[in-house]
Amino acid sequence: MKIQVTRKHIKAGKMGRMTLCPIALALKERGFENVKITTETVEVDGAELTLSPSEAKFVDDFDSGKPVKPFVLHLRFAQA
């Protein structure tokens, strides 16, 4: 699944807030309710996924107040 993290999400995101970072906002916009982002993982409705190194850098840079650019997040959910 591809999730667009846009300038709008970046502008509205809150540094250091796992449920209000740009990635979390983009996921919530797509209909996911329980979203939590760390510098290493994405927790979406109970499923925990590992961020790629570039995605983890985005989170770390955003939380550090460094400039970040929009990107596409690729999530792979396990098939039941």
C-alpha atoms as a PDB file:
ATOM      1  CA  MET A   1       0.000   0.000   0.000  1.00  0.00           C
ATOM      2  CA  LYS A   2       1.315   3.433  -0.942  1.00  0.00           C
ATOM      3  CA  ILE A   3       0.683   6.373   1.380  1.00  0.00           C
ATOM      4  CA  GLN A   4       1.453   9.890   0.169  1.00  0.00           C
ATOM      5  CA  VAL A   5       3.008  12.056   2.878  1.00  0.00           C
ATOM      6  CA  THR A   6       2.376  15.562   1.550  1.00  0.00           C
ATOM      7  CA  ARG A   7       3.421  19.112   2.388  1.00  0.00           C
ATOM      8  CA  LYS A   8       0.026  19.481   4.091  1.00  0.00           C
ATOM      9  CA  HIS A   9       0.855  16.574   6.432  1.00  0.00           C
ATOM     10  CA  ILE A  10       4.315  17.989   7.135  1.00  0.00           C
ATOM     11  CA  LYS A  11       2.922  21.447   7.909  1.00  0.00           C
ATOM     12  CA  ALA A  12       0.204  20.048  10.222  1.00  0.00           C
ATOM     13  CA  GLY A  13       2.495  17.506  11.925  1.00  0.00           C
ATOM     14  CA  LYS A  14       3.707  17.915  15.498  1.00  0.00           C
ATOM     15  CA  MET A  15       7.318  17.173  16.420  1.00  0.00           C
ATOM     16  CA  GLY A  16       7.783  14.386  18.951  1.00  0.00           C
ATOM     17  CA  ARG A  17       4.110  13.342  18.865  1.00  0.00           C
ATOM     18  CA  MET A  18       3.781   9.692  17.776  1.00  0.00           C
ATOM     19  CA  THR A  19       0.140  10.072  16.803  1.00  0.00           C
ATOM     20  CA  LEU A  20       0.454  13.476  15.118  1.00  0.00           C
ATOM     21  CA  CYS A  21       3.563  13.199  12.965  1.00  0.00           C
ATOM     22  CA  PRO A  22       3.153  13.669   9.187  1.00  0.00           C
ATOM     23  CA  ILE A  23       3.131   9.901   8.556  1.00  0.00           C
ATOM     24  CA  ALA A  24       0.428   9.364  11.183  1.00  0.00           C
ATOM     25  CA  LEU A  25      -1.661  12.167   9.688  1.00  0.00           C
ATOM     26  CA  ALA A  26      -1.348  10.673   6.200  1.00  0.00           C
ATOM     27  CA  LEU A  27      -2.449   7.265   7.493  1.00  0.00           C
ATOM     28  CA  LYS A  28      -5.375   8.736   9.398  1.00  0.00           C
ATOM     29  CA  GLU A  29      -6.454  10.546   6.251  1.00  0.00           C
ATOM     30  CA  ARG A  30      -6.607   7.149   4.525  1.00  0.00           C
ATOM     31  CA  GLY A  31      -8.976   5.843   7.202  1.00  0.00           C
ATOM     32  CA  PHE A  32      -6.681   4.186   9.728  1.00  0.00           C
ATOM     33  CA  GLU A  33      -7.687   5.052  13.271  1.00  0.00           C
ATOM     34  CA  ASN A  34      -5.066   3.730  15.703  1.00  0.00           C
ATOM     35  CA  VAL A  35      -1.740   4.981  14.387  1.00  0.00           C
ATOM     36  CA  LYS A  36       1.530   5.401  16.272  1.00  0.00           C
ATOM     37  CA  ILE A  37       4.901   6.249  14.690  1.00  0.00           C
ATOM     38  CA  THR A  38       8.353   5.837  16.228  1.00  0.00           C
ATOM     39  CA  THR A  39      11.733   6.350  14.596  1.00  0.00           C
ATOM     40  CA  GLU A  40      11.795   2.639  13.783  1.00  0.00           C
ATOM     41  CA  THR A  41       8.198   1.429  13.440  1.00  0.00           C
ATOM     42  CA  VAL A  42       4.686   2.190  12.297  1.00  0.00           C
ATOM     43  CA  GLU A  43       1.880   0.736  14.383  1.00  0.00           C
ATOM     44  CA  VAL A  44      -1.371   0.719  12.416  1.00  0.00           C
ATOM     45  CA  ASP A  45      -4.552  -0.703  13.934  1.00  0.00           C
ATOM     46  CA  GLY A  46      -2.547  -3.243  15.943  1.00  0.00           C
ATOM     47  CA  ALA A  47      -0.090  -4.253  13.184  1.00  0.00           C
ATOM     48  CA  GLU A  48       3.541  -3.221  13.684  1.00  0.00           C
ATOM     49  CA  LEU A  49       5.664  -2.566  10.610  1.00  0.00           C
ATOM     50  CA  THR A  50       9.340  -1.621  10.396  1.00  0.00           C
ATOM     51  CA  LEU A  51      10.298   1.625   8.675  1.00  0.00           C
ATOM     52  CA  SER A  52      12.969   1.591   5.981  1.00  0.00           C
ATOM     53  CA  PRO A  53      16.171   3.522   6.770  1.00  0.00           C
ATOM     54  CA  SER A  54      15.048   6.497   4.639  1.00  0.00           C
ATOM     55  CA  GLU A  55      11.598   6.533   6.286  1.00  0.00           C
ATOM     56  CA  ALA A  56      13.199   6.363   9.737  1.00  0.00           C
ATOM     57  CA  LYS A  57      15.465   9.279   8.771  1.00  0.00           C
ATOM     58  CA  PHE A  58      12.386  11.288   7.766  1.00  0.00           C
ATOM     59  CA  VAL A  59      10.876  10.755  11.244  1.00  0.00           C
ATOM     60  CA  ASP A  60      14.150  11.572  13.005  1.00  0.00           C
ATOM     61  CA  ASP A  61      14.734  14.683  10.878  1.00  0.00           C
ATOM     62  CA  PHE A  62      11.159  15.897  11.373  1.00  0.00           C
ATOM     63  CA  ASP A  63      11.333  15.394  15.142  1.00  0.00           C
ATOM     64  CA  SER A  64      14.677  17.249  15.205  1.00  0.00           C
ATOM     65  CA  GLY A  65      13.211  20.241  13.388  1.00  0.00           C
ATOM     66  CA  LYS A  66      15.192  19.625  10.208  1.00  0.00           C
ATOM     67  CA  PRO A  67      13.557  20.301   6.840  1.00  0.00           C
ATOM     68  CA  VAL A  68      11.827  17.278   5.269  1.00  0.00           C
ATOM     69  CA  LYS A  69      10.219  16.712   1.895  1.00  0.00           C
ATOM     70  CA  PRO A  70       7.042  14.892   0.866  1.00  0.00           C
ATOM     71  CA  PHE A  71       7.479  11.220  -0.001  1.00  0.00           C
ATOM     72  CA  VAL A  72       5.609   7.991  -0.594  1.00  0.00           C
ATOM     73  CA  LEU A  73       5.474   5.513   2.296  1.00  0.00           C
ATOM     74  CA  HIS A  74       5.264   1.872   1.214  1.00  0.00           C
ATOM     75  CA  LEU A  75       3.503  -0.335   3.765  1.00  0.00           C
ATOM     76  CA  ARG A  76       3.402  -4.106   3.460  1.00  0.00           C
ATOM     77  CA  PHE A  77       0.814  -5.778   5.625  1.00  0.00           C
ATOM     78  CA  ALA A  78       1.073  -9.529   6.259  1.00  0.00           C
ATOM     79  CA  GLN A  79      -1.626 -11.551   4.532  1.00  0.00           C
ATOM     80  CA  ALA A  80      -3.964 -13.415   6.872  1.00  0.00           C
END
